[in-house]
Amino acid sequence: MRGHCILSHGFESGPDATKVTALADAAQRMGWTHERPDYTDLDAMREVSELGDVAARRERLLERAHAAAARGPLVLAGSSLGAFVSGWVSLRVPVAALFLMAPPIRLDRAHPLDAARVPTSVIHGWHDELIPAEHVVEWARGRDARLLMVADSHRLSGHVDASADAFAALLAGL
């Protein structure tokens, strides 16, 4: 085993979603173990916020990340809200790298995306209807992150294989 990956799905998605499944397959091929937490119960909690219970999502990932980091190298990966909570957790648990798909750079004014200064790869769509591409480019530039911009929307549905390839490249570089 080279290390462990925790793959966090986006809002109103699930642990069997196409993108996180493709990342799990890539991790497996690269000799990394992986897990895909289920946040669907928290996403459904609309009485907390329009994005569900984001704080509980962070805490669920934090608990899993603490346990995994104690066993060896840890990589956090996530899509959209999953990317946001991965960044937050990376500041609290030692991680080897981050892989962020369609990351919300500004979840809201009070919550900008922050993350540990570790090797980071980002994939984002030029035509993302929720997160402006220029915000992601600026954020990635400030961190010297590897950035792959693609002709796609927020869901990156046309670039699942490209996402898995970029994730495998990140893991190969560790």
Protein backbone atom coordinates (compact mmCIF):
# COMPACT_ATOMS: atom_id res chain seq x y z
CA MET A 1 0.00 0.00 0.00
CA ARG A 2 1.37 3.41 -0.99
CA GLY A 3 -1.16 5.40 1.01
CA HIS A 4 -4.86 6.11 1.39
CA CYS A 5 -7.26 8.39 -0.51
CA ILE A 6 -10.53 9.79 0.78
CA LEU A 7 -12.78 10.76 -2.13
CA SER A 8 -15.61 13.18 -1.28
CA HIS A 9 -18.58 13.52 -3.60
CA GLY A 10 -20.27 16.79 -4.46
CA PHE A 11 -23.51 18.22 -3.12
CA GLU A 12 -26.59 16.15 -3.96
CA SER A 13 -24.39 13.46 -5.46
CA GLY A 14 -23.27 10.26 -3.74
CA PRO A 15 -20.37 7.91 -3.06
CA ASP A 16 -21.14 5.91 -6.20
CA ALA A 17 -21.09 8.98 -8.45
CA THR A 18 -19.26 8.66 -11.74
CA LYS A 19 -16.34 10.98 -10.92
CA VAL A 20 -15.47 9.63 -7.47
CA THR A 21 -15.85 6.09 -8.82
CA ALA A 22 -13.36 6.92 -11.59
CA LEU A 23 -10.96 8.36 -8.98
CA ALA A 24 -11.35 5.22 -6.85
CA ASP A 25 -10.44 3.07 -9.86
CA ALA A 26 -7.39 5.25 -10.55
CA ALA A 27 -6.27 5.03 -6.91
CA GLN A 28 -6.66 1.25 -6.98
CA ARG A 29 -4.54 0.98 -10.15
CA MET A 30 -1.85 3.14 -8.54
CA GLY A 31 -1.68 0.93 -5.42
CA TRP A 32 -3.52 3.30 -3.06
CA THR A 33 -6.39 2.25 -0.82
CA HIS A 34 -9.46 4.46 -0.86
CA GLU A 35 -12.79 5.21 0.68
CA ARG A 36 -15.80 7.24 -0.37
CA PRO A 37 -17.75 8.72 2.54
CA ASP A 38 -21.48 9.13 2.09
CA TYR A 39 -22.72 12.66 2.79
CA THR A 40 -26.19 12.30 1.26
CA ASP A 41 -27.93 12.42 4.66
CA LEU A 42 -26.19 15.72 5.44
CA ASP A 43 -26.89 17.21 2.01
CA ALA A 44 -30.61 16.57 2.58
CA MET A 45 -30.65 18.75 5.72
CA ARG A 46 -32.00 21.85 3.97
CA GLU A 47 -33.27 23.28 7.27
CA VAL A 48 -29.60 23.92 8.18
CA SER A 49 -28.70 25.70 4.92
CA GLU A 50 -29.33 25.51 1.18
CA LEU A 51 -26.19 23.30 1.00
CA GLY A 52 -27.29 21.01 3.81
CA ASP A 53 -25.18 20.58 6.93
CA VAL A 54 -21.74 21.66 5.70
CA ALA A 55 -20.26 21.73 9.22
CA ALA A 56 -21.29 18.12 9.83
CA ARG A 57 -19.85 17.17 6.41
CA ARG A 58 -16.52 18.73 7.44
CA GLU A 59 -16.56 16.89 10.76
CA ARG A 60 -17.37 13.54 9.13
CA LEU A 61 -14.41 13.92 6.78
CA LEU A 62 -12.17 15.20 9.58
CA GLU A 63 -12.86 12.10 11.68
CA ARG A 64 -12.05 9.75 8.79
CA ALA A 65 -8.97 11.75 7.82
CA HIS A 66 -7.54 11.65 11.35
CA ALA A 67 -7.87 7.87 11.41
CA ALA A 68 -6.37 7.44 7.93
CA ALA A 69 -3.46 9.85 8.48
CA ALA A 70 -2.41 7.86 11.53
CA ARG A 71 -1.83 4.83 9.26
CA GLY A 72 0.25 6.52 6.53
CA PRO A 73 0.21 9.00 3.64
CA LEU A 74 -3.20 10.53 2.97
CA VAL A 75 -4.55 12.22 -0.15
CA LEU A 76 -7.87 14.08 -0.07
CA ALA A 77 -9.90 14.47 -3.24
CA GLY A 78 -13.29 16.00 -3.78
CA SER A 79 -15.75 17.41 -6.24
CA SER A 80 -17.39 20.81 -5.64
CA LEU A 81 -18.57 20.83 -2.00
CA GLY A 82 -16.43 17.72 -1.52
CA ALA A 83 -13.43 19.76 -2.71
CA PHE A 84 -14.31 22.56 -0.31
CA VAL A 85 -14.43 20.29 2.75
CA SER A 86 -11.26 18.49 1.60
CA GLY A 87 -9.43 21.82 1.62
CA TRP A 88 -10.76 22.65 5.08
CA VAL A 89 -9.73 19.26 6.50
CA SER A 90 -6.26 19.51 4.91
CA LEU A 91 -5.54 22.40 7.27
CA ARG A 92 -6.25 20.18 10.28
CA VAL A 93 -4.78 16.80 9.31
CA PRO A 94 -1.43 16.10 7.62
CA VAL A 95 -2.05 15.29 3.96
CA ALA A 96 0.36 14.39 1.18
CA ALA A 97 -1.69 16.05 -1.58
CA LEU A 98 -5.06 17.44 -2.66
CA PHE A 99 -7.11 16.82 -5.79
CA LEU A 100 -9.93 19.33 -6.29
CA MET A 101 -12.61 19.14 -8.99
CA ALA A 102 -14.74 22.24 -9.63
CA PRO A 103 -13.76 23.74 -6.26
CA PRO A 104 -15.97 26.51 -4.87
CA ILE A 105 -13.40 29.23 -4.28
CA ARG A 106 -15.94 31.32 -2.41
CA LEU A 107 -18.63 29.13 -0.87
CA ASP A 108 -19.99 32.42 0.43
CA ARG A 109 -18.40 35.70 1.51
CA ALA A 110 -17.56 34.36 4.96
CA HIS A 111 -16.10 31.07 3.70
CA PRO A 112 -13.38 31.33 1.04
CA LEU A 113 -11.62 28.12 0.04
CA ASP A 114 -8.45 27.53 2.00
CA ALA A 115 -6.20 24.48 1.98
CA ALA A 116 -2.85 23.19 3.12
CA ARG A 117 0.20 24.13 1.04
CA VAL A 118 0.77 20.64 -0.36
CA PRO A 119 0.96 19.34 -3.93
CA THR A 120 -2.43 20.27 -5.36
CA SER A 121 -4.11 19.45 -8.66
CA VAL A 122 -7.28 21.18 -9.80
CA ILE A 123 -9.60 20.40 -12.70
CA HIS A 124 -12.26 22.94 -13.59
CA GLY A 125 -14.61 23.70 -16.46
CA TRP A 126 -14.27 26.89 -18.47
CA HIS A 127 -18.08 26.93 -18.69
CA ASP A 128 -18.81 26.21 -15.02
CA GLU A 129 -22.14 27.88 -14.35
CA LEU A 130 -21.65 28.01 -10.55
CA ILE A 131 -17.97 28.84 -10.01
CA PRO A 132 -16.33 31.37 -12.33
CA ALA A 133 -13.26 29.98 -14.07
CA GLU A 134 -11.24 33.12 -13.38
CA HIS A 135 -11.67 32.63 -9.61
CA VAL A 136 -10.24 29.12 -9.86
CA VAL A 137 -7.35 30.23 -12.08
CA GLU A 138 -6.46 32.98 -9.60
CA TRP A 139 -6.68 30.61 -6.61
CA ALA A 140 -4.56 27.93 -8.31
CA ARG A 141 -1.97 30.48 -9.45
CA GLY A 142 -1.52 31.72 -5.88
CA ARG A 143 -0.63 28.18 -4.80
CA ASP A 144 1.39 27.04 -7.82
CA ALA A 145 -1.20 24.27 -8.16
CA ARG A 146 -1.36 22.09 -11.24
CA LEU A 147 -4.47 23.30 -13.08
CA LEU A 148 -6.35 21.59 -15.89
CA MET A 149 -9.03 23.78 -17.46
CA VAL A 150 -11.44 21.93 -19.73
CA ALA A 151 -14.35 22.83 -22.00
CA ASP A 152 -17.04 21.62 -19.64
CA SER A 153 -19.66 22.72 -17.09
CA HIS A 154 -19.67 22.39 -13.30
CA ARG A 155 -20.40 18.66 -13.37
CA LEU A 156 -17.33 17.92 -15.55
CA SER A 157 -19.35 15.05 -17.02
CA GLY A 158 -17.48 15.22 -20.31
CA HIS A 159 -14.12 14.92 -18.56
CA VAL A 160 -14.45 11.99 -16.16
CA ASP A 161 -11.53 10.15 -17.77
CA ALA A 162 -9.41 13.32 -17.82
CA SER A 163 -10.15 13.77 -14.11
CA ALA A 164 -9.08 10.20 -13.34
CA ASP A 165 -5.92 10.62 -15.43
CA ALA A 166 -5.03 13.86 -13.63
CA PHE A 167 -5.62 12.18 -10.28
CA ALA A 168 -3.42 9.22 -11.26
CA ALA A 169 -0.69 11.68 -12.32
CA LEU A 170 -0.88 13.39 -8.91
CA LEU A 171 -0.57 10.05 -7.11
CA ALA A 172 2.31 8.97 -9.37
CA GLY A 173 4.21 12.12 -8.42
CA LEU A 174 4.09 11.42 -4.69
